[in-house]
Amino acid sequence: MVHSDFVKLLGQLASLTPPQRAQVRSALDERSNATAVAIASVIPSPNVCPRCQAHSEQLRPWGYSHGLARMRCRACGKTSNVLTGTPLAHLRKREQWLRYGQLRIPVIVTADSGRS
């Protein structure tokens, strides 16, 4: 977005009604949750409890949190989601997760990649 357009948009936010502000917040929240859900969809469901290592039949659905399904272990009573125990578990700023993942992919340089 062009900076001048962004400044104009920020100036217009003050004139929004409370329901319109809530709608803008909701749209922004959905956008950040969409990244988490997309990443979580490619991570396989756990076959054991990440806390006590009980078998997957001990894991039961336990609602949703931040757009991710939670599971509760009957053996230890702890809750988790598909990100528990992964490097993404405690990251904030979900809208930047895809960029973070791209930066973590190693760049492979071959001997003849610098030749033209």
PDB file of N, CA and C in Angstrom:
ATOM      1  N   MET A   1       0.846  -1.169   0.000  1.00  0.00           N
ATOM      2  CA  MET A   1       0.000   0.000   0.000  1.00  0.00           C
ATOM      3  C   MET A   1       0.895   1.236   0.000  1.00  0.00           C
ATOM      4  N   VAL A   2       0.511   2.224  -0.766  1.00  0.00           N
ATOM      5  CA  VAL A   2       1.250   3.481  -0.833  1.00  0.00           C
ATOM      6  C   VAL A   2       1.126   4.197   0.510  1.00  0.00           C
ATOM      7  N   HIS A   3       2.224   4.770   0.985  1.00  0.00           N
ATOM      8  CA  HIS A   3       2.249   5.394   2.306  1.00  0.00           C
ATOM      9  C   HIS A   3       1.171   6.468   2.462  1.00  0.00           C
ATOM     10  N   SER A   4       0.972   7.301   1.456  1.00  0.00           N
ATOM     11  CA  SER A   4      -0.038   8.369   1.567  1.00  0.00           C
ATOM     12  C   SER A   4      -1.445   7.783   1.698  1.00  0.00           C
ATOM     13  N   ASP A   5      -1.721   6.677   0.994  1.00  0.00           N
ATOM     14  CA  ASP A   5      -3.028   6.010   1.124  1.00  0.00           C
ATOM     15  C   ASP A   5      -3.199   5.430   2.530  1.00  0.00           C
ATOM     16  N   PHE A   6      -2.104   4.890   3.069  1.00  0.00           N
ATOM     17  CA  PHE A   6      -2.154   4.320   4.412  1.00  0.00           C
ATOM     18  C   PHE A   6      -2.438   5.400   5.452  1.00  0.00           C
ATOM     19  N   VAL A   7      -1.786   6.549   5.321  1.00  0.00           N
ATOM     20  CA  VAL A   7      -2.007   7.660   6.250  1.00  0.00           C
ATOM     21  C   VAL A   7      -3.456   8.127   6.159  1.00  0.00           C
ATOM     22  N   LYS A   8      -3.995   8.179   4.948  1.00  0.00           N
ATOM     23  CA  LYS A   8      -5.393   8.581   4.755  1.00  0.00           C
ATOM     24  C   LYS A   8      -6.333   7.566   5.437  1.00  0.00           C
ATOM     25  N   LEU A   9      -6.022   6.286   5.279  1.00  0.00           N
ATOM     26  CA  LEU A   9      -6.830   5.233   5.907  1.00  0.00           C
ATOM     27  C   LEU A   9      -6.804   5.368   7.427  1.00  0.00           C
ATOM     28  N   LEU A  10      -5.626   5.596   7.990  1.00  0.00           N
ATOM     29  CA  LEU A  10      -5.523   5.777   9.439  1.00  0.00           C
ATOM     30  C   LEU A  10      -6.358   6.966   9.907  1.00  0.00           C
ATOM     31  N   GLY A  11      -6.370   8.039   9.135  1.00  0.00           N
ATOM     32  CA  GLY A  11      -7.164   9.209   9.483  1.00  0.00           C
ATOM     33  C   GLY A  11      -8.653   8.932   9.472  1.00  0.00           C
ATOM     34  N   GLN A  12      -9.086   8.012   8.624  1.00  0.00           N
ATOM     35  CA  GLN A  12     -10.506   7.684   8.525  1.00  0.00           C
ATOM     36  C   GLN A  12     -10.964   6.740   9.633  1.00  0.00           C
ATOM     37  N   LEU A  13     -10.056   6.077  10.287  1.00  0.00           N
ATOM     38  CA  LEU A  13     -10.432   5.139  11.348  1.00  0.00           C
ATOM     39  C   LEU A  13     -11.171   5.831  12.491  1.00  0.00           C
ATOM     40  N   ALA A  14     -10.827   7.076  12.761  1.00  0.00           N
ATOM     41  CA  ALA A  14     -11.462   7.808  13.854  1.00  0.00           C
ATOM     42  C   ALA A  14     -12.959   8.019  13.611  1.00  0.00           C
ATOM     43  N   SER A  15     -13.378   8.026  12.356  1.00  0.00           N
ATOM     44  CA  SER A  15     -14.790   8.276  12.057  1.00  0.00           C
ATOM     45  C   SER A  15     -15.635   6.999  12.039  1.00  0.00           C
ATOM     46  N   LEU A  16     -15.032   5.846  12.287  1.00  0.00           N
ATOM     47  CA  LEU A  16     -15.789   4.592  12.295  1.00  0.00           C
ATOM     48  C   LEU A  16     -16.682   4.496  13.520  1.00  0.00           C
ATOM     49  N   THR A  17     -17.830   3.853  13.338  1.00  0.00           N
ATOM     50  CA  THR A  17     -18.716   3.583  14.469  1.00  0.00           C
ATOM     51  C   THR A  17     -18.167   2.389  15.245  1.00  0.00           C
ATOM     52  N   PRO A  18     -18.575   2.200  16.484  1.00  0.00           N
ATOM     53  CA  PRO A  18     -18.093   1.027  17.235  1.00  0.00           C
ATOM     54  C   PRO A  18     -18.322  -0.308  16.527  1.00  0.00           C
ATOM     55  N   PRO A  19     -19.510  -0.547  15.919  1.00  0.00           N
ATOM     56  CA  PRO A  19     -19.665  -1.820  15.203  1.00  0.00           C
ATOM     57  C   PRO A  19     -18.693  -1.955  14.014  1.00  0.00           C
ATOM     58  N   GLN A  20     -18.415  -0.835  13.336  1.00  0.00           N
ATOM     59  CA  GLN A  20     -17.474  -0.883  12.225  1.00  0.00           C
ATOM     60  C   GLN A  20     -16.056  -1.169  12.717  1.00  0.00           C
ATOM     61  N   ARG A  21     -15.693  -0.602  13.855  1.00  0.00           N
ATOM     62  CA  ARG A  21     -14.372  -0.877  14.438  1.00  0.00           C
ATOM     63  C   ARG A  21     -14.253  -2.351  14.803  1.00  0.00           C
ATOM     64  N   ALA A  22     -15.327  -2.894  15.370  1.00  0.00           N
ATOM     65  CA  ALA A  22     -15.322  -4.318  15.728  1.00  0.00           C
ATOM     66  C   ALA A  22     -15.159  -5.180  14.480  1.00  0.00           C
ATOM     67  N   GLN A  23     -15.788  -4.768  13.395  1.00  0.00           N
ATOM     68  CA  GLN A  23     -15.681  -5.520  12.148  1.00  0.00           C
ATOM     69  C   GLN A  23     -14.248  -5.471  11.605  1.00  0.00           C
ATOM     70  N   VAL A  24     -13.598  -4.317  11.688  1.00  0.00           N
ATOM     71  CA  VAL A  24     -12.203  -4.187  11.244  1.00  0.00           C
ATOM     72  C   VAL A  24     -11.301  -5.065  12.104  1.00  0.00           C
ATOM     73  N   ARG A  25     -11.509  -5.033  13.443  1.00  0.00           N
ATOM     74  CA  ARG A  25     -10.710  -5.881  14.343  1.00  0.00           C
ATOM     75  C   ARG A  25     -10.875  -7.351  14.003  1.00  0.00           C
ATOM     76  N   SER A  26     -12.117  -7.751  13.769  1.00  0.00           N
ATOM     77  CA  SER A  26     -12.403  -9.144  13.449  1.00  0.00           C
ATOM     78  C   SER A  26     -11.708  -9.564  12.153  1.00  0.00           C
ATOM     79  N   ALA A  27     -11.749  -8.703  11.150  1.00  0.00           N
ATOM     80  CA  ALA A  27     -11.104  -9.019   9.873  1.00  0.00           C
ATOM     81  C   ALA A  27      -9.591  -9.154  10.052  1.00  0.00           C
ATOM     82  N   LEU A  28      -8.991  -8.292  10.865  1.00  0.00           N
ATOM     83  CA  LEU A  28      -7.546  -8.371  11.102  1.00  0.00           C
ATOM     84  C   LEU A  28      -7.195  -9.619  11.912  1.00  0.00           C
ATOM     85  N   ASP A  29      -8.014  -9.970  12.903  1.00  0.00           N
ATOM     86  CA  ASP A  29      -7.765 -11.171  13.699  1.00  0.00           C
ATOM     87  C   ASP A  29      -7.863 -12.423  12.842  1.00  0.00           C
ATOM     88  N   GLU A  30      -8.874 -12.469  11.963  1.00  0.00           N
ATOM     89  CA  GLU A  30      -9.031 -13.627  11.084  1.00  0.00           C
ATOM     90  C   GLU A  30      -7.815 -13.783  10.183  1.00  0.00           C
ATOM     91  N   ARG A  31      -7.280 -12.676   9.740  1.00  0.00           N
ATOM     92  CA  ARG A  31      -6.110 -12.695   8.850  1.00  0.00           C
ATOM     93  C   ARG A  31      -4.906 -13.326   9.558  1.00  0.00           C
ATOM     94  N   SER A  32      -4.676 -12.946  10.832  1.00  0.00           N
ATOM     95  CA  SER A  32      -3.528 -13.515  11.538  1.00  0.00           C
ATOM     96  C   SER A  32      -3.781 -14.976  11.910  1.00  0.00           C
ATOM     97  N   ASN A  33      -5.038 -15.340  12.225  1.00  0.00           N
ATOM     98  CA  ASN A  33      -5.351 -16.735  12.538  1.00  0.00           C
ATOM     99  C   ASN A  33      -5.262 -17.622  11.306  1.00  0.00           C
ATOM    100  N   ALA A  34      -5.517 -17.075  10.124  1.00  0.00           N
ATOM    101  CA  ALA A  34      -5.468 -17.863   8.901  1.00  0.00           C
ATOM    102  C   ALA A  34      -4.074 -18.431   8.682  1.00  0.00           C
ATOM    103  N   THR A  35      -3.050 -17.675   9.011  1.00  0.00           N
ATOM    104  CA  THR A  35      -1.678 -18.150   8.867  1.00  0.00           C
ATOM    105  C   THR A  35      -1.436 -19.335   9.786  1.00  0.00           C
ATOM    106  N   ALA A  36      -1.864 -19.219  11.036  1.00  0.00           N
ATOM    107  CA  ALA A  36      -1.666 -20.307  11.995  1.00  0.00           C
ATOM    108  C   ALA A  36      -2.405 -21.563  11.557  1.00  0.00           C
ATOM    109  N   VAL A  37      -3.628 -21.401  11.086  1.00  0.00           N
ATOM    110  CA  VAL A  37      -4.415 -22.550  10.653  1.00  0.00           C
ATOM    111  C   VAL A  37      -3.773 -23.199   9.428  1.00  0.00           C
ATOM    112  N   ALA A  38      -3.262 -22.391   8.501  1.00  0.00           N
ATOM    113  CA  ALA A  38      -2.608 -22.934   7.302  1.00  0.00           C
ATOM    114  C   ALA A  38      -1.369 -23.734   7.684  1.00  0.00           C
ATOM    115  N   ILE A  39      -0.588 -23.210   8.592  1.00  0.00           N
ATOM    116  CA  ILE A  39       0.628 -23.917   9.026  1.00  0.00           C
ATOM    117  C   ILE A  39       0.254 -25.180   9.796  1.00  0.00           C
ATOM    118  N   ALA A  40      -0.724 -25.068  10.682  1.00  0.00           N
ATOM    119  CA  ALA A  40      -1.135 -26.227  11.483  1.00  0.00           C
ATOM    120  C   ALA A  40      -1.713 -27.332  10.611  1.00  0.00           C
ATOM    121  N   SER A  41      -2.299 -26.979   9.466  1.00  0.00           N
ATOM    122  CA  SER A  41      -2.910 -27.994   8.608  1.00  0.00           C
ATOM    123  C   SER A  41      -1.873 -28.905   7.959  1.00  0.00           C
ATOM    124  N   VAL A  42      -0.638 -28.457   7.841  1.00  0.00           N
ATOM    125  CA  VAL A  42       0.394 -29.301   7.244  1.00  0.00           C
ATOM    126  C   VAL A  42       1.192 -30.068   8.290  1.00  0.00           C
ATOM    127  N   ILE A  43       1.002 -29.744   9.554  1.00  0.00           N
ATOM    128  CA  ILE A  43       1.666 -30.483  10.629  1.00  0.00           C
ATOM    129  C   ILE A  43       0.775 -31.663  11.001  1.00  0.00           C
ATOM    130  N   PRO A  44       1.295 -32.871  10.987  1.00  0.00           N
ATOM    131  CA  PRO A  44       0.452 -34.033  11.291  1.00  0.00           C
ATOM    132  C   PRO A  44      -0.050 -34.006  12.735  1.00  0.00           C
ATOM    133  N   SER A  45      -1.233 -34.560  12.935  1.00  0.00           N
ATOM    134  CA  SER A  45      -1.779 -34.659  14.289  1.00  0.00           C
ATOM    135  C   SER A  45      -0.866 -35.532  15.137  1.00  0.00           C
ATOM    136  N   PRO A  46      -0.720 -35.204  16.404  1.00  0.00           N
ATOM    137  CA  PRO A  46       0.177 -35.998  17.250  1.00  0.00           C
ATOM    138  C   PRO A  46      -0.356 -37.409  17.463  1.00  0.00           C
ATOM    139  N   ASN A  47       0.544 -38.376  17.507  1.00  0.00           N
ATOM    140  CA  ASN A  47       0.116 -39.748  17.790  1.00  0.00           C
ATOM    141  C   ASN A  47       0.339 -40.107  19.257  1.00  0.00           C
ATOM    142  N   VAL A  48       0.898 -39.155  20.023  1.00  0.00           N
ATOM    143  CA  VAL A  48       1.032 -39.297  21.473  1.00  0.00           C
ATOM    144  C   VAL A  48       0.806 -37.931  22.105  1.00  0.00           C
ATOM    145  N   CYS A  49       0.511 -37.926  23.384  1.00  0.00           N
ATOM    146  CA  CYS A  49       0.386 -36.673  24.122  1.00  0.00           C
ATOM    147  C   CYS A  49       1.765 -36.027  24.206  1.00  0.00           C
ATOM    148  N   PRO A  50       1.899 -34.744  23.836  1.00  0.00           N
ATOM    149  CA  PRO A  50       3.221 -34.122  23.892  1.00  0.00           C
ATOM    150  C   PRO A  50       3.736 -33.933  25.313  1.00  0.00           C
ATOM    151  N   ARG A  51       2.877 -34.068  26.310  1.00  0.00           N
ATOM    152  CA  ARG A  51       3.293 -33.878  27.708  1.00  0.00           C
ATOM    153  C   ARG A  51       3.723 -35.185  28.368  1.00  0.00           C
ATOM    154  N   CYS A  52       2.808 -36.202  28.316  1.00  0.00           N
ATOM    155  CA  CYS A  52       3.084 -37.442  29.060  1.00  0.00           C
ATOM    156  C   CYS A  52       3.338 -38.654  28.162  1.00  0.00           C
ATOM    157  N   GLN A  53       3.271 -38.456  26.836  1.00  0.00           N
ATOM    158  CA  GLN A  53       3.517 -39.501  25.855  1.00  0.00           C
ATOM    159  C   GLN A  53       2.451 -40.601  25.844  1.00  0.00           C
ATOM    160  N   ALA A  54       1.257 -40.334  26.398  1.00  0.00           N
ATOM    161  CA  ALA A  54       0.160 -41.311  26.332  1.00  0.00           C
ATOM    162  C   ALA A  54      -0.274 -41.466  24.878  1.00  0.00           C
ATOM    163  N   HIS A  55      -0.816 -42.632  24.516  1.00  0.00           N
ATOM    164  CA  HIS A  55      -1.228 -42.902  23.136  1.00  0.00           C
ATOM    165  C   HIS A  55      -2.327 -41.951  22.693  1.00  0.00           C
ATOM    166  N   SER A  56      -2.470 -41.801  21.371  1.00  0.00           N
ATOM    167  CA  SER A  56      -3.395 -40.817  20.797  1.00  0.00           C
ATOM    168  C   SER A  56      -4.854 -41.080  21.166  1.00  0.00           C
ATOM    169  N   GLU A  57      -5.203 -42.298  21.513  1.00  0.00           N
ATOM    170  CA  GLU A  57      -6.597 -42.547  21.904  1.00  0.00           C
ATOM    171  C   GLU A  57      -6.946 -41.869  23.236  1.00  0.00           C
ATOM    172  N   GLN A  58      -5.948 -41.396  23.961  1.00  0.00           N
ATOM    173  CA  GLN A  58      -6.187 -40.637  25.196  1.00  0.00           C
ATOM    174  C   GLN A  58      -6.475 -39.155  24.909  1.00  0.00           C
ATOM    175  N   LEU A  59      -6.222 -38.702  23.673  1.00  0.00           N
ATOM    176  CA  LEU A  59      -6.438 -37.304  23.320  1.00  0.00           C
ATOM    177  C   LEU A  59      -7.868 -37.085  22.846  1.00  0.00           C
ATOM    178  N   ARG A  60      -8.523 -36.095  23.419  1.00  0.00           N
ATOM    179  CA  ARG A  60      -9.912 -35.770  23.084  1.00  0.00           C
ATOM    180  C   ARG A  60     -10.011 -34.314  22.662  1.00  0.00           C
ATOM    181  N   PRO A  61     -10.920 -33.993  21.717  1.00  0.00           N
ATOM    182  CA  PRO A  61     -11.121 -32.591  21.334  1.00  0.00           C
ATOM    183  C   PRO A  61     -11.496 -31.747  22.549  1.00  0.00           C
ATOM    184  N   TRP A  62     -10.950 -30.545  22.618  1.00  0.00           N
ATOM    185  CA  TRP A  62     -11.164 -29.686  23.780  1.00  0.00           C
ATOM    186  C   TRP A  62     -11.342 -28.230  23.349  1.00  0.00           C
ATOM    187  N   GLY A  63     -12.111 -28.012  22.290  1.00  0.00           N
ATOM    188  CA  GLY A  63     -12.404 -26.657  21.841  1.00  0.00           C
ATOM    189  C   GLY A  63     -11.339 -26.090  20.925  1.00  0.00           C
ATOM    190  N   TYR A  64     -11.367 -24.764  20.807  1.00  0.00           N
ATOM    191  CA  TYR A  64     -10.439 -24.047  19.927  1.00  0.00           C
ATOM    192  C   TYR A  64      -9.823 -22.886  20.677  1.00  0.00           C
ATOM    193  N   SER A  65      -8.609 -22.556  20.329  1.00  0.00           N
ATOM    194  CA  SER A  65      -7.927 -21.400  20.894  1.00  0.00           C
ATOM    195  C   SER A  65      -7.087 -20.766  19.799  1.00  0.00           C
ATOM    196  N   HIS A  66      -7.307 -19.493  19.546  1.00  0.00           N
ATOM    197  CA  HIS A  66      -6.562 -18.751  18.521  1.00  0.00           C
ATOM    198  C   HIS A  66      -6.647 -19.428  17.159  1.00  0.00           C
ATOM    199  N   GLY A  67      -7.812 -19.994  16.851  1.00  0.00           N
ATOM    200  CA  GLY A  67      -8.013 -20.620  15.550  1.00  0.00           C
ATOM    201  C   GLY A  67      -7.495 -22.033  15.420  1.00  0.00           C
ATOM    202  N   LEU A  68      -6.898 -22.572  16.473  1.00  0.00           N
ATOM    203  CA  LEU A  68      -6.345 -23.931  16.436  1.00  0.00           C
ATOM    204  C   LEU A  68      -7.156 -24.854  17.342  1.00  0.00           C
ATOM    205  N   ALA A  69      -7.387 -26.072  16.856  1.00  0.00           N
ATOM    206  CA  ALA A  69      -8.092 -27.062  17.669  1.00  0.00           C
ATOM    207  C   ALA A  69      -7.213 -27.480  18.843  1.00  0.00           C
ATOM    208  N   ARG A  70      -7.810 -27.577  20.020  1.00  0.00           N
ATOM    209  CA  ARG A  70      -7.079 -28.025  21.203  1.00  0.00           C
ATOM    210  C   ARG A  70      -7.478 -29.464  21.509  1.00  0.00           C
ATOM    211  N   MET A  71      -6.549 -30.181  22.110  1.00  0.00           N
ATOM    212  CA  MET A  71      -6.799 -31.555  22.540  1.00  0.00           C
ATOM    213  C   MET A  71      -6.476 -31.640  24.024  1.00  0.00           C
ATOM    214  N   ARG A  72      -7.230 -32.486  24.723  1.00  0.00           N
ATOM    215  CA  ARG A  72      -6.967 -32.705  26.150  1.00  0.00           C
ATOM    216  C   ARG A  72      -6.647 -34.168  26.362  1.00  0.00           C
ATOM    217  N   CYS A  73      -5.583 -34.412  27.078  1.00  0.00           N
ATOM    218  CA  CYS A  73      -5.159 -35.785  27.371  1.00  0.00           C
ATOM    219  C   CYS A  73      -5.910 -36.279  28.597  1.00  0.00           C
ATOM    220  N   ARG A  74      -6.525 -37.440  28.468  1.00  0.00           N
ATOM    221  CA  ARG A  74      -7.232 -38.018  29.619  1.00  0.00           C
ATOM    222  C   ARG A  74      -6.270 -38.532  30.674  1.00  0.00           C
ATOM    223  N   ALA A  75      -5.067 -38.892  30.270  1.00  0.00           N
ATOM    224  CA  ALA A  75      -4.096 -39.450  31.215  1.00  0.00           C
ATOM    225  C   ALA A  75      -3.517 -38.379  32.136  1.00  0.00           C
ATOM    226  N   CYS A  76      -3.085 -37.250  31.565  1.00  0.00           N
ATOM    227  CA  CYS A  76      -2.436 -36.227  32.395  1.00  0.00           C
ATOM    228  C   CYS A  76      -3.289 -34.979  32.592  1.00  0.00           C
ATOM    229  N   GLY A  77      -4.371 -34.845  31.811  1.00  0.00           N
ATOM    230  CA  GLY A  77      -5.265 -33.700  31.968  1.00  0.00           C
ATOM    231  C   GLY A  77      -4.763 -32.412  31.332  1.00  0.00           C
ATOM    232  N   LYS A  78      -3.620 -32.453  30.655  1.00  0.00           N
ATOM    233  CA  LYS A  78      -3.066 -31.257  30.022  1.00  0.00           C
ATOM    234  C   LYS A  78      -3.683 -31.058  28.643  1.00  0.00           C
ATOM    235  N   THR A  79      -3.751 -29.793  28.213  1.00  0.00           N
ATOM    236  CA  THR A  79      -4.237 -29.493  26.875  1.00  0.00           C
ATOM    237  C   THR A  79      -3.066 -29.119  25.978  1.00  0.00           C
ATOM    238  N   SER A  80      -3.282 -29.313  24.673  1.00  0.00           N
ATOM    239  CA  SER A  80      -2.243 -28.994  23.698  1.00  0.00           C
ATOM    240  C   SER A  80      -2.914 -28.746  22.359  1.00  0.00           C
ATOM    241  N   ASN A  81      -2.131 -28.284  21.396  1.00  0.00           N
ATOM    242  CA  ASN A  81      -2.593 -28.183  20.019  1.00  0.00           C
ATOM    243  C   ASN A  81      -1.491 -28.737  19.129  1.00  0.00           C
ATOM    244  N   VAL A  82      -1.677 -28.677  17.816  1.00  0.00           N
ATOM    245  CA  VAL A  82      -0.689 -29.289  16.921  1.00  0.00           C
ATOM    246  C   VAL A  82       0.661 -28.586  16.973  1.00  0.00           C
ATOM    247  N   LEU A  83       0.708 -27.361  17.492  1.00  0.00           N
ATOM    248  CA  LEU A  83       1.973 -26.636  17.564  1.00  0.00           C
ATOM    249  C   LEU A  83       2.741 -26.891  18.857  1.00  0.00           C
ATOM    250  N   THR A  84       2.118 -27.531  19.839  1.00  0.00           N
ATOM    251  CA  THR A  84       2.785 -27.805  21.107  1.00  0.00           C
ATOM    252  C   THR A  84       4.042 -28.644  20.862  1.00  0.00           C
ATOM    253  N   GLY A  85       5.144 -28.179  21.414  1.00  0.00           N
ATOM    254  CA  GLY A  85       6.406 -28.895  21.271  1.00  0.00           C
ATOM    255  C   GLY A  85       7.144 -28.604  19.978  1.00  0.00           C
ATOM    256  N   THR A  86       6.629 -27.674  19.168  1.00  0.00           N
ATOM    257  CA  THR A  86       7.306 -27.296  17.925  1.00  0.00           C
ATOM    258  C   THR A  86       7.954 -25.928  18.097  1.00  0.00           C
ATOM    259  N   PRO A  87       8.852 -25.542  17.185  1.00  0.00           N
ATOM    260  CA  PRO A  87       9.450 -24.204  17.283  1.00  0.00           C
ATOM    261  C   PRO A  87       8.425 -23.074  17.154  1.00  0.00           C
ATOM    262  N   LEU A  88       7.246 -23.351  16.639  1.00  0.00           N
ATOM    263  CA  LEU A  88       6.216 -22.323  16.470  1.00  0.00           C
ATOM    264  C   LEU A  88       5.317 -22.174  17.691  1.00  0.00           C
ATOM    265  N   ALA A  89       5.503 -22.999  18.698  1.00  0.00           N
ATOM    266  CA  ALA A  89       4.573 -23.061  19.818  1.00  0.00           C
ATOM    267  C   ALA A  89       4.351 -21.732  20.528  1.00  0.00           C
ATOM    268  N   HIS A  90       5.367 -20.967  20.781  1.00  0.00           N
ATOM    269  CA  HIS A  90       5.209 -19.738  21.558  1.00  0.00           C
ATOM    270  C   HIS A  90       5.503 -18.477  20.758  1.00  0.00           C
ATOM    271  N   LEU A  91       5.538 -18.607  19.441  1.00  0.00           N
ATOM    272  CA  LEU A  91       5.792 -17.428  18.623  1.00  0.00           C
ATOM    273  C   LEU A  91       4.570 -16.534  18.590  1.00  0.00           C
ATOM    274  N   ARG A  92       4.795 -15.247  18.582  1.00  0.00           N
ATOM    275  CA  ARG A  92       3.726 -14.269  18.432  1.00  0.00           C
ATOM    276  C   ARG A  92       3.773 -13.754  17.000  1.00  0.00           C
ATOM    277  N   LYS A  93       2.993 -12.774  16.698  1.00  0.00           N
ATOM    278  CA  LYS A  93       2.960 -12.142  15.373  1.00  0.00           C
ATOM    279  C   LYS A  93       2.761 -13.181  14.275  1.00  0.00           C
ATOM    280  N   ARG A  94       1.647 -13.884  14.345  1.00  0.00           N
ATOM    281  CA  ARG A  94       1.380 -14.968  13.405  1.00  0.00           C
ATOM    282  C   ARG A  94       1.377 -14.524  11.958  1.00  0.00           C
ATOM    283  N   GLU A  95       1.073 -13.262  11.718  1.00  0.00           N
ATOM    284  CA  GLU A  95       1.076 -12.776  10.334  1.00  0.00           C
ATOM    285  C   GLU A  95       2.471 -12.831   9.716  1.00  0.00           C
ATOM    286  N   GLN A  96       3.502 -13.009  10.538  1.00  0.00           N
ATOM    287  CA  GLN A  96       4.870 -13.070  10.026  1.00  0.00           C
ATOM    288  C   GLN A  96       5.440 -14.491  10.015  1.00  0.00           C
ATOM    289  N   TRP A  97       4.631 -15.482  10.379  1.00  0.00           N
ATOM    290  CA  TRP A  97       5.122 -16.854  10.443  1.00  0.00           C
ATOM    291  C   TRP A  97       5.603 -17.364   9.091  1.00  0.00           C
ATOM    292  N   LEU A  98       4.880 -17.075   8.012  1.00  0.00           N
ATOM    293  CA  LEU A  98       5.290 -17.575   6.701  1.00  0.00           C
ATOM    294  C   LEU A  98       6.645 -17.001   6.317  1.00  0.00           C
ATOM    295  N   ARG A  99       6.851 -15.736   6.605  1.00  0.00           N
ATOM    296  CA  ARG A  99       8.155 -15.117   6.320  1.00  0.00           C
ATOM    297  C   ARG A  99       9.242 -15.774   7.169  1.00  0.00           C
ATOM    298  N   TYR A 100       8.941 -16.028   8.433  1.00  0.00           N
ATOM    299  CA  TYR A 100       9.891 -16.698   9.323  1.00  0.00           C
ATOM    300  C   TYR A 100      10.263 -18.078   8.762  1.00  0.00           C
ATOM    301  N   GLY A 101       9.263 -18.812   8.312  1.00  0.00           N
ATOM    302  CA  GLY A 101       9.516 -20.134   7.743  1.00  0.00           C
ATOM    303  C   GLY A 101      10.368 -20.073   6.496  1.00  0.00           C
ATOM    304  N   GLN A 102      10.100 -19.076   5.658  1.00  0.00           N
ATOM    305  CA  GLN A 102      10.896 -18.924   4.444  1.00  0.00           C
ATOM    306  C   GLN A 102      12.350 -18.606   4.784  1.00  0.00           C
ATOM    307  N   LEU A 103      12.564 -17.826   5.821  1.00  0.00           N
ATOM    308  CA  LEU A 103      13.927 -17.485   6.211  1.00  0.00           C
ATOM    309  C   LEU A 103      14.663 -18.673   6.817  1.00  0.00           C
ATOM    310  N   ARG A 104      13.925 -19.641   7.364  1.00  0.00           N
ATOM    311  CA  ARG A 104      14.544 -20.813   7.977  1.00  0.00           C
ATOM    312  C   ARG A 104      14.953 -21.862   6.950  1.00  0.00           C
ATOM    313  N   ILE A 105      14.479 -21.738   5.709  1.00  0.00           N
ATOM    314  CA  ILE A 105      14.828 -22.698   4.667  1.00  0.00           C
ATOM    315  C   ILE A 105      16.253 -22.401   4.211  1.00  0.00           C
ATOM    316  N   PRO A 106      17.142 -23.377   4.311  1.00  0.00           N
ATOM    317  CA  PRO A 106      18.532 -23.111   3.920  1.00  0.00           C
ATOM    318  C   PRO A 106      18.651 -22.914   2.410  1.00  0.00           C
ATOM    319  N   VAL A 107      19.488 -21.992   2.054  1.00  0.00           N
ATOM    320  CA  VAL A 107      19.769 -21.742   0.644  1.00  0.00           C
ATOM    321  C   VAL A 107      20.921 -22.656   0.241  1.00  0.00           C
ATOM    322  N   ILE A 108      20.694 -23.433  -0.774  1.00  0.00           N
ATOM    323  CA  ILE A 108      21.716 -24.373  -1.239  1.00  0.00           C
ATOM    324  C   ILE A 108      22.486 -23.700  -2.367  1.00  0.00           C
ATOM    325  N   VAL A 109      23.764 -23.552  -2.152  1.00  0.00           N
ATOM    326  CA  VAL A 109      24.634 -22.941  -3.154  1.00  0.00           C
ATOM    327  C   VAL A 109      25.481 -24.037  -3.760  1.00  0.00           C
ATOM    328  N   THR A 110      25.400 -24.166  -5.069  1.00  0.00           N
ATOM    329  CA  THR A 110      26.213 -25.166  -5.741  1.00  0.00           C
ATOM    330  C   THR A 110      27.453 -24.508  -6.302  1.00  0.00           C
ATOM    331  N   ALA A 111      28.423 -25.314  -6.693  1.00  0.00           N
ATOM    332  CA  ALA A 111      29.701 -24.795  -7.180  1.00  0.00           C
ATOM    333  C   ALA A 111      29.532 -23.957  -8.440  1.00  0.00           C
ATOM    334  N   ASP A 112      28.607 -24.327  -9.336  1.00  0.00           N
ATOM    335  CA  ASP A 112      28.467 -23.590 -10.569  1.00  0.00           C
ATOM    336  C   ASP A 112      27.313 -22.597 -10.543  1.00  0.00           C
ATOM    337  N   SER A 113      26.723 -22.322  -9.388  1.00  0.00           N
ATOM    338  CA  SER A 113      25.624 -21.359  -9.332  1.00  0.00           C
ATOM    339  C   SER A 113      26.098 -19.933  -9.531  1.00  0.00           C
ATOM    340  N   GLY A 114      27.361 -19.642  -9.259  1.00  0.00           N
ATOM    341  CA  GLY A 114      27.882 -18.296  -9.421  1.00  0.00           C
ATOM    342  C   GLY A 114      28.411 -18.028 -10.823  1.00  0.00           C
ATOM    343  N   ARG A 115      28.461 -19.049 -11.654  1.00  0.00           N
ATOM    344  CA  ARG A 115      28.994 -18.886 -13.012  1.00  0.00           C
ATOM    345  C   ARG A 115      27.870 -18.481 -13.955  1.00  0.00           C
ATOM    346  N   SER A 116      28.188 -17.625 -14.908  1.00  0.00           N
ATOM    347  CA  SER A 116      27.207 -17.208 -15.903  1.00  0.00           C
ATOM    348  C   SER A 116      27.635 -17.622 -17.287  1.00  0.00           C
TER     349      SER A 116
END
